[in-house]
Amino acid sequence: MGPLDGVKVVDFSVMISGPLAAMMLGDQGADVIKIETPGFGDIMRLLGSSKNGMTGIFANNNRSKRSLVVDLKTDEGRDVVRHLLEDADVVIQNFRPGAMARLGLGYDDIRAINPNLIYTSISGYGSTGPYSGRRVYDNVIQAASGLASIQTDPATGEPAMFRTLVCDKTTAYTAAQAITAALFARATGKAEGQHIEVAMIDTAIAFLWPDAAMDAVLLDDDATRQPTIGSNYAVTRLADGFASAAAVTDDEFTALCATFGRPDIADDPRFTDTMSRMANVNDMVEAMWEAASECTLDDFVERSGIHDVPASRINTLDDLPNDPQVVNNEVFVERDHPLAGRTREPRPAARLAATPQEIGRPAPGHGEHTREIVEELGLDAEALRAAGAIS
């Protein structure tokens, strides 16, 4: 059994930030019920590559769940959900502040029928403040939080976006951790239920700050200023491919020169120690780029292992399933999805020895479990369907 076996999660959320958090809880053993609207449900069912109506992005963020289609605009539909919440442990919703309350399903409404509930509200900017009512997506929060600014091209001064939904995903991980912390507090008698609020902008700044703000964190004028670690990140262009390497210590610099097949660079008096290299940084960079341009990718990979250089080839998504370390770690699981056919998914990253996580049931079809869930509640599915409450 997973660590959250016996925990019941009701997931109202859409897109990525809430659904991914709920999926992680499901992988850890929780019974996750995804509430979807009639029609097409979560908009992620419509975006991107798909087969038989199942998109890759929906499958990636909604496995280990059951789907209940209910019309929350009807009294009967809301009653179904209230029955569902009577013994639920966790709610996750990521609508704009006030939306759930207008349906009579806000925290105060639900706490009245289940004071032990952990109610999680995810939003872009938080529930109060000048931006709280604004619509957001991941790229908007990348801009607002400063994340896009640290991607600025030093040559052009133009900021850039991360080409992955970094704000959505860090928010999901933050929410999942907060939920398990609240469950622990409840289990140890520190609290009953409680309201968790997670703002994407807060999460993004907290994610950004530990390293990217290593200079900005020091406020006194007499602090010694240095570039951030990440500002020195660059792709190494080799003769026939791309890699990334780091050389922080003198020994690592010597080893990197040997990896490029140019040990003589490390013997140059201008580059023999850190202070010398800093004083002659432009000459050093030019020498290293020239050495890299004459080294093949295969030689680089082999020699970096021999000389103990922190380095890797730049893997593509197509490369990953065949990477020897990825294969060793059994990162990917391939299986047949009832709608999408053959799929490849990463297993949950953390390995728990006594209560292992696992990839649960495949992402559900729209409303696939509606009858099953309604009948578990002791309600009449046919009558509710006739009333338009479920579909």
Protein backbone atom coordinates (compact mmCIF):
# COMPACT_ATOMS: atom_id res chain seq x y z
CA MET A 1 0.00 0.00 0.00
CA GLY A 2 1.15 3.52 -0.75
CA PRO A 3 1.78 6.02 2.05
CA LEU A 4 -1.57 7.76 1.43
CA ASP A 5 -3.69 4.62 1.21
CA GLY A 6 -7.10 5.41 2.73
CA VAL A 7 -6.95 9.14 1.92
CA LYS A 8 -9.82 10.44 -0.22
CA VAL A 9 -9.06 13.38 -2.52
CA VAL A 10 -11.66 15.33 -4.49
CA ASP A 11 -9.98 17.17 -7.35
CA PHE A 12 -11.95 20.04 -8.89
CA SER A 13 -8.91 21.50 -10.62
CA VAL A 14 -8.05 21.85 -14.29
CA MET A 15 -4.95 22.47 -16.42
CA ILE A 16 -1.69 21.49 -14.62
CA SER A 17 -1.09 23.03 -11.18
CA GLY A 18 -3.95 21.27 -9.39
CA PRO A 19 -4.24 18.08 -11.45
CA LEU A 20 -0.54 17.27 -11.15
CA ALA A 21 -0.66 17.77 -7.37
CA ALA A 22 -3.67 15.43 -7.16
CA MET A 23 -1.97 12.88 -9.41
CA MET A 24 1.04 12.76 -7.12
CA LEU A 25 -1.25 12.04 -4.17
CA GLY A 26 -2.91 9.32 -6.24
CA ASP A 27 0.46 7.76 -7.07
CA GLN A 28 1.05 7.66 -3.31
CA GLY A 29 -2.09 5.61 -2.78
CA ALA A 30 -4.88 8.16 -2.31
CA ASP A 31 -8.29 7.60 -3.91
CA VAL A 32 -8.51 10.64 -6.20
CA ILE A 33 -11.86 11.57 -7.73
CA LYS A 34 -11.64 14.16 -10.50
CA ILE A 35 -14.73 16.33 -10.84
CA GLU A 36 -15.35 17.36 -14.43
CA THR A 37 -18.00 19.44 -16.13
CA PRO A 38 -20.35 18.08 -18.82
CA GLY A 39 -19.18 18.55 -22.39
CA PHE A 40 -15.44 18.03 -22.60
CA GLY A 41 -14.35 18.53 -18.97
CA ASP A 42 -10.78 19.60 -18.28
CA ILE A 43 -9.50 21.67 -21.21
CA MET A 44 -6.31 19.59 -21.18
CA ARG A 45 -8.41 16.89 -22.85
CA LEU A 46 -8.35 19.08 -25.98
CA LEU A 47 -4.77 20.36 -26.18
CA GLY A 48 -1.84 18.79 -27.95
CA SER A 49 -1.14 15.36 -29.37
CA SER A 50 -3.97 12.87 -28.91
CA LYS A 51 -5.37 9.47 -29.80
CA ASN A 52 -9.02 8.47 -29.48
CA GLY A 53 -9.72 11.66 -27.54
CA MET A 54 -6.95 11.15 -24.97
CA THR A 55 -4.21 13.78 -25.10
CA GLY A 56 -0.69 13.21 -23.89
CA ILE A 57 -0.80 16.20 -21.55
CA PHE A 58 -4.03 15.05 -19.91
CA ALA A 59 -2.62 11.54 -19.46
CA ASN A 60 0.57 12.96 -17.95
CA ASN A 61 -1.29 14.87 -15.24
CA ASN A 62 -4.34 12.75 -14.45
CA ARG A 63 -3.39 9.13 -13.94
CA SER A 64 -4.33 7.42 -10.67
CA LYS A 65 -7.75 9.13 -10.73
CA ARG A 66 -11.41 8.36 -11.33
CA SER A 67 -13.56 10.78 -13.35
CA LEU A 68 -16.97 11.99 -12.17
CA VAL A 69 -18.90 14.25 -14.54
CA VAL A 70 -21.34 16.44 -12.62
CA ASP A 71 -23.08 19.70 -13.44
CA LEU A 72 -22.27 22.05 -10.56
CA LYS A 73 -24.74 24.59 -11.90
CA THR A 74 -27.62 22.37 -10.78
CA ASP A 75 -28.81 21.91 -7.20
CA GLU A 76 -28.79 18.14 -7.69
CA GLY A 77 -25.21 18.21 -8.97
CA ARG A 78 -24.00 20.23 -6.01
CA ASP A 79 -25.79 17.83 -3.68
CA VAL A 80 -23.88 14.93 -5.23
CA VAL A 81 -20.62 16.74 -4.54
CA ARG A 82 -21.62 17.57 -0.97
CA HIS A 83 -22.30 13.88 -0.35
CA LEU A 84 -18.88 13.13 -1.78
CA LEU A 85 -17.21 15.67 0.50
CA GLU A 86 -18.82 14.43 3.73
CA ASP A 87 -16.00 11.93 4.30
CA ALA A 88 -13.32 13.37 2.01
CA ASP A 89 -9.87 14.20 3.35
CA VAL A 90 -8.63 16.65 0.73
CA VAL A 91 -10.10 19.08 -1.80
CA ILE A 92 -7.99 20.68 -4.53
CA GLN A 93 -9.32 23.54 -6.64
CA ASN A 94 -7.53 26.11 -8.79
CA PHE A 95 -10.22 28.49 -9.94
CA ARG A 96 -10.04 32.24 -9.50
CA PRO A 97 -10.73 33.46 -5.95
CA GLY A 98 -14.44 33.40 -5.12
CA ALA A 99 -15.52 31.01 -7.87
CA MET A 100 -16.07 28.01 -5.61
CA ALA A 101 -17.82 30.11 -2.98
CA ARG A 102 -20.29 31.32 -5.61
CA LEU A 103 -21.20 27.67 -6.18
CA GLY A 104 -21.70 27.15 -2.47
CA LEU A 105 -18.56 24.98 -2.39
CA GLY A 106 -16.05 27.35 -0.82
CA TYR A 107 -13.98 26.49 2.23
CA ASP A 108 -16.44 27.88 4.76
CA ASP A 109 -19.33 26.06 3.06
CA ILE A 110 -17.56 22.70 3.08
CA ARG A 111 -16.06 23.10 6.54
CA ALA A 112 -19.60 23.28 7.89
CA ILE A 113 -20.22 19.71 6.74
CA ASN A 114 -16.69 18.34 7.16
CA PRO A 115 -14.43 20.21 9.62
CA ASN A 116 -11.63 17.68 9.09
CA LEU A 117 -11.21 18.52 5.40
CA ILE A 118 -7.90 19.81 4.02
CA TYR A 119 -9.14 22.37 1.48
CA THR A 120 -6.48 23.50 -1.01
CA SER A 121 -6.97 26.64 -3.10
CA ILE A 122 -4.48 27.33 -5.88
CA SER A 123 -4.53 30.67 -7.68
CA GLY A 124 -2.27 32.87 -9.75
CA TYR A 125 -1.72 35.77 -7.36
CA GLY A 126 -3.53 34.78 -4.17
CA SER A 127 -6.99 35.50 -2.78
CA THR A 128 -6.43 39.21 -2.04
CA GLY A 129 -4.51 42.10 -3.52
CA PRO A 130 -4.54 44.17 -6.71
CA TYR A 131 -3.94 41.23 -9.08
CA SER A 132 -5.99 38.57 -7.30
CA GLY A 133 -8.82 38.54 -9.81
CA ARG A 134 -6.65 38.39 -12.92
CA ARG A 135 -6.59 35.42 -15.26
CA VAL A 136 -3.15 33.81 -15.49
CA TYR A 137 -1.25 31.06 -17.24
CA ASP A 138 2.22 29.73 -16.58
CA ASN A 139 3.97 32.18 -18.91
CA VAL A 140 2.29 35.14 -17.18
CA ILE A 141 3.67 34.05 -13.80
CA GLN A 142 7.10 33.46 -15.34
CA ALA A 143 7.02 37.12 -16.31
CA ALA A 144 5.55 38.44 -13.05
CA SER A 145 7.83 36.44 -10.74
CA GLY A 146 11.18 37.37 -12.30
CA LEU A 147 11.83 33.92 -13.75
CA ALA A 148 11.82 35.24 -17.32
CA SER A 149 14.28 37.97 -16.35
CA ILE A 150 16.99 35.51 -15.31
CA GLN A 151 16.78 33.97 -18.78
CA THR A 152 17.83 37.28 -20.33
CA ASP A 153 20.26 36.97 -23.24
CA PRO A 154 23.34 38.97 -22.19
CA ALA A 155 24.07 39.83 -25.83
CA THR A 156 20.65 41.28 -26.66
CA GLY A 157 19.18 42.14 -23.25
CA GLU A 158 16.01 40.28 -24.19
CA PRO A 159 14.35 38.14 -21.50
CA ALA A 160 13.08 34.68 -22.39
CA MET A 161 10.61 32.11 -21.18
CA PHE A 162 11.38 28.63 -19.89
CA ARG A 163 9.95 26.27 -22.50
CA THR A 164 8.30 24.14 -19.87
CA LEU A 165 5.46 24.97 -17.50
CA VAL A 166 7.80 25.53 -14.60
CA CYS A 167 5.41 27.67 -12.54
CA ASP A 168 2.50 25.26 -12.88
CA LYS A 169 4.67 22.30 -11.92
CA THR A 170 6.47 23.90 -8.97
CA THR A 171 3.06 25.01 -7.69
CA ALA A 172 1.81 21.43 -7.96
CA TYR A 173 4.78 20.09 -5.99
CA THR A 174 4.36 22.83 -3.37
CA ALA A 175 0.66 22.07 -3.00
CA ALA A 176 1.23 18.32 -2.71
CA GLN A 177 3.85 18.80 0.01
CA ALA A 178 1.62 21.24 1.91
CA ILE A 179 -1.28 18.79 1.74
CA THR A 180 0.76 15.94 3.19
CA ALA A 181 2.04 18.28 5.91
CA ALA A 182 -1.56 19.23 6.76
CA LEU A 183 -2.58 15.55 6.81
CA PHE A 184 0.29 14.88 9.23
CA ALA A 185 -0.77 17.79 11.43
CA ARG A 186 -4.30 16.42 11.49
CA ALA A 187 -3.14 12.87 12.23
CA THR A 188 -0.98 14.04 15.15
CA GLY A 189 -3.71 16.20 16.67
CA LYS A 190 -2.14 19.59 15.89
CA ALA A 191 -5.12 20.66 13.80
CA GLU A 192 -8.41 19.48 12.39
CA GLY A 193 -8.95 20.38 8.79
CA GLN A 194 -7.55 23.62 7.44
CA HIS A 195 -7.46 25.87 4.41
CA ILE A 196 -4.26 25.82 2.34
CA GLU A 197 -3.74 28.69 -0.08
CA VAL A 198 -1.02 28.40 -2.71
CA ALA A 199 -0.35 31.31 -5.07
CA MET A 200 1.63 30.56 -8.21
CA ILE A 201 3.58 33.81 -7.91
CA ASP A 202 4.58 32.98 -4.32
CA THR A 203 5.74 29.53 -5.38
CA ALA A 204 7.68 30.86 -8.36
CA ILE A 205 9.51 33.44 -6.26
CA ALA A 206 10.31 30.85 -3.59
CA PHE A 207 11.67 28.59 -6.36
CA LEU A 208 13.69 31.41 -7.92
CA TRP A 209 15.20 32.92 -4.79
CA PRO A 210 17.61 30.34 -3.28
CA ASP A 211 20.15 30.62 -6.10
CA ALA A 212 19.10 33.31 -8.57
CA ALA A 213 18.84 35.86 -5.74
CA MET A 214 22.16 34.94 -4.10
CA ASP A 215 23.20 38.54 -4.75
CA ALA A 216 19.84 40.24 -4.19
CA VAL A 217 19.41 38.64 -0.75
CA LEU A 218 22.26 40.79 0.67
CA LEU A 219 20.93 44.30 1.17
CA ASP A 220 23.89 46.20 2.65
CA ASP A 221 25.92 48.40 0.31
CA ASP A 222 29.26 46.99 1.43
CA ALA A 223 28.48 43.40 0.37
CA THR A 224 30.91 41.87 -2.12
CA ARG A 225 28.99 41.24 -5.33
CA GLN A 226 29.51 38.25 -7.62
CA PRO A 227 27.50 36.83 -10.55
CA THR A 228 25.00 34.13 -9.69
CA ILE A 229 25.93 30.51 -10.33
CA GLY A 230 23.27 30.07 -12.99
CA SER A 231 24.39 33.15 -14.92
CA ASN A 232 27.47 31.20 -16.01
CA TYR A 233 25.48 28.29 -17.41
CA ALA A 234 26.10 27.71 -21.10
CA VAL A 235 25.89 24.91 -23.61
CA THR A 236 29.23 23.56 -24.80
CA ARG A 237 29.35 23.34 -28.59
CA LEU A 238 31.47 20.37 -29.63
CA ALA A 239 32.65 19.32 -33.09
CA ASP A 240 29.51 17.27 -33.76
CA GLY A 241 27.07 17.88 -30.91
CA PHE A 242 26.30 19.62 -27.65
CA ALA A 243 27.08 19.00 -24.00
CA SER A 244 27.23 20.71 -20.64
CA ALA A 245 30.13 20.67 -18.21
CA ALA A 246 31.17 22.42 -15.02
CA ALA A 247 34.65 23.12 -13.68
CA VAL A 248 34.60 24.87 -10.32
CA THR A 249 37.86 23.70 -8.72
CA ASP A 250 41.38 23.78 -10.14
CA ASP A 251 41.38 20.00 -10.42
CA GLU A 252 38.11 20.05 -12.35
CA PHE A 253 39.47 22.67 -14.75
CA THR A 254 42.55 20.55 -15.39
CA ALA A 255 40.35 17.51 -15.95
CA LEU A 256 38.08 19.42 -18.36
CA CYS A 257 41.06 20.51 -20.44
CA ALA A 258 42.15 16.88 -20.64
CA THR A 259 38.64 15.87 -21.62
CA PHE A 260 38.80 18.27 -24.57
CA GLY A 261 42.12 16.68 -25.53
CA ARG A 262 44.00 19.87 -24.63
CA PRO A 263 45.79 19.32 -21.29
CA ASP A 264 48.24 22.05 -22.29
CA ILE A 265 45.61 24.73 -21.61
CA ALA A 266 45.69 23.93 -17.89
CA ASP A 267 49.50 24.40 -17.92
CA ASP A 268 49.22 27.93 -19.33
CA PRO A 269 50.34 30.37 -16.56
CA ARG A 270 47.26 32.50 -17.26
CA PHE A 271 44.95 29.63 -16.26
CA THR A 272 46.77 27.63 -13.57
CA ASP A 273 44.51 28.70 -10.66
CA THR A 274 41.14 30.31 -10.04
CA MET A 275 42.49 33.84 -9.55
CA SER A 276 44.56 33.65 -12.73
CA ARG A 277 41.61 32.40 -14.73
CA MET A 278 39.38 35.20 -13.39
CA ALA A 279 42.01 37.76 -14.37
CA ASN A 280 42.23 36.32 -17.88
CA VAL A 281 38.68 35.15 -18.29
CA ASN A 282 38.23 36.27 -21.89
CA ASP A 283 41.37 34.49 -23.03
CA MET A 284 40.37 31.39 -21.09
CA VAL A 285 36.88 31.27 -22.60
CA GLU A 286 38.30 31.66 -26.11
CA ALA A 287 40.80 28.83 -25.53
CA MET A 288 38.17 26.51 -24.11
CA TRP A 289 35.68 27.18 -26.92
CA GLU A 290 38.38 26.43 -29.49
CA ALA A 291 39.30 23.20 -27.70
CA ALA A 292 35.64 22.15 -27.48
CA SER A 293 35.07 22.78 -31.18
CA GLU A 294 37.78 20.20 -32.01
CA CYS A 295 36.44 17.50 -29.66
CA THR A 296 33.78 15.01 -30.75
CA LEU A 297 30.78 14.26 -28.58
CA ASP A 298 31.68 10.59 -28.18
CA ASP A 299 35.23 11.48 -27.11
CA PHE A 300 33.90 14.10 -24.71
CA VAL A 301 31.50 11.67 -23.05
CA GLU A 302 34.13 8.93 -22.72
CA ARG A 303 36.91 11.19 -21.45
CA SER A 304 34.69 13.08 -19.00
CA GLY A 305 34.05 9.79 -17.25
CA ILE A 306 37.73 8.91 -17.23
CA HIS A 307 38.79 12.31 -15.86
CA ASP A 308 35.85 12.63 -13.43
CA VAL A 309 34.46 15.81 -14.97
CA PRO A 310 30.89 16.86 -14.05
CA ALA A 311 29.46 16.67 -17.56
CA SER A 312 26.75 15.23 -19.78
CA ARG A 313 25.72 15.18 -23.39
CA ILE A 314 22.56 17.20 -24.11
CA ASN A 315 19.92 14.50 -24.20
CA THR A 316 16.78 14.99 -26.26
CA LEU A 317 13.41 13.60 -25.19
CA ASP A 318 13.97 10.82 -27.72
CA ASP A 319 17.35 10.03 -26.16
CA LEU A 320 16.10 9.69 -22.59
CA PRO A 321 14.44 6.23 -22.71
CA ASN A 322 17.72 4.71 -23.95
CA ASP A 323 20.11 6.58 -21.68
CA PRO A 324 21.98 3.92 -19.65
CA GLN A 325 21.39 5.62 -16.30
CA VAL A 326 17.72 6.24 -17.03
CA VAL A 327 17.36 2.59 -18.01
CA ASN A 328 19.17 1.51 -14.84
CA ASN A 329 16.87 3.67 -12.69
CA GLU A 330 13.78 2.25 -14.42
CA VAL A 331 12.45 5.78 -14.80
CA PHE A 332 9.98 5.01 -17.57
CA VAL A 333 7.05 2.63 -17.60
CA GLU A 334 5.40 1.60 -20.85
CA ARG A 335 1.84 0.27 -20.84
CA ASP A 336 -1.35 0.14 -22.88
CA HIS A 337 -3.92 2.86 -22.27
CA PRO A 338 -7.53 1.89 -23.11
CA LEU A 339 -7.89 4.97 -25.33
CA ALA A 340 -4.41 6.29 -26.09
CA GLY A 341 -2.77 2.97 -26.93
CA ARG A 342 0.86 2.41 -26.01
CA THR A 343 2.15 5.09 -23.63
CA ARG A 344 5.40 5.92 -21.89
CA GLU A 345 5.26 7.58 -18.46
CA PRO A 346 7.85 8.38 -15.79
CA ARG A 347 7.33 6.58 -12.50
CA PRO A 348 7.03 8.68 -9.32
CA ALA A 349 10.53 9.98 -8.66
CA ALA A 350 10.89 9.23 -4.93
CA ARG A 351 11.36 5.62 -3.91
CA LEU A 352 9.75 4.71 -0.57
CA ALA A 353 10.97 1.35 0.64
CA ALA A 354 8.14 0.41 3.00
CA THR A 355 5.21 2.21 1.34
CA PRO A 356 6.16 2.42 -2.33
CA GLN A 357 4.63 4.81 -4.80
CA GLU A 358 3.50 3.42 -8.12
CA ILE A 359 1.87 4.47 -11.34
CA GLY A 360 -1.82 3.95 -10.70
CA ARG A 361 -4.72 3.49 -13.06
CA PRO A 362 -4.40 5.19 -16.48
CA ALA A 363 -5.85 8.67 -16.90
CA PRO A 364 -9.64 8.25 -17.07
CA GLY A 365 -11.98 8.89 -19.94
CA HIS A 366 -14.42 11.76 -19.45
CA GLY A 367 -16.97 10.56 -16.89
CA GLU A 368 -15.64 7.01 -16.99
CA HIS A 369 -16.41 6.39 -13.31
CA THR A 370 -19.51 8.55 -12.85
CA ARG A 371 -21.97 5.71 -12.24
CA GLU A 372 -19.49 3.82 -10.04
CA ILE A 373 -18.84 6.81 -7.77
CA VAL A 374 -22.49 7.88 -7.52
CA GLU A 375 -23.57 4.38 -6.58
CA GLU A 376 -20.83 4.21 -3.94
CA LEU A 377 -22.56 7.23 -2.38
CA GLY A 378 -25.83 5.31 -2.31
CA LEU A 379 -27.47 7.63 -4.85
CA ASP A 380 -29.65 6.80 -7.85
CA ALA A 381 -27.48 7.31 -10.93
CA GLU A 382 -30.33 7.02 -13.41
CA ALA A 383 -32.47 9.57 -11.61
CA LEU A 384 -29.56 11.99 -11.38
CA ARG A 385 -28.76 11.51 -15.06
CA ALA A 386 -32.41 12.15 -15.96
CA ALA A 387 -32.29 15.35 -13.92
CA GLY A 388 -29.19 16.48 -15.82
CA ALA A 389 -27.03 16.46 -12.67
CA ILE A 390 -24.54 13.89 -13.97
CA SER A 391 -23.55 12.53 -17.36
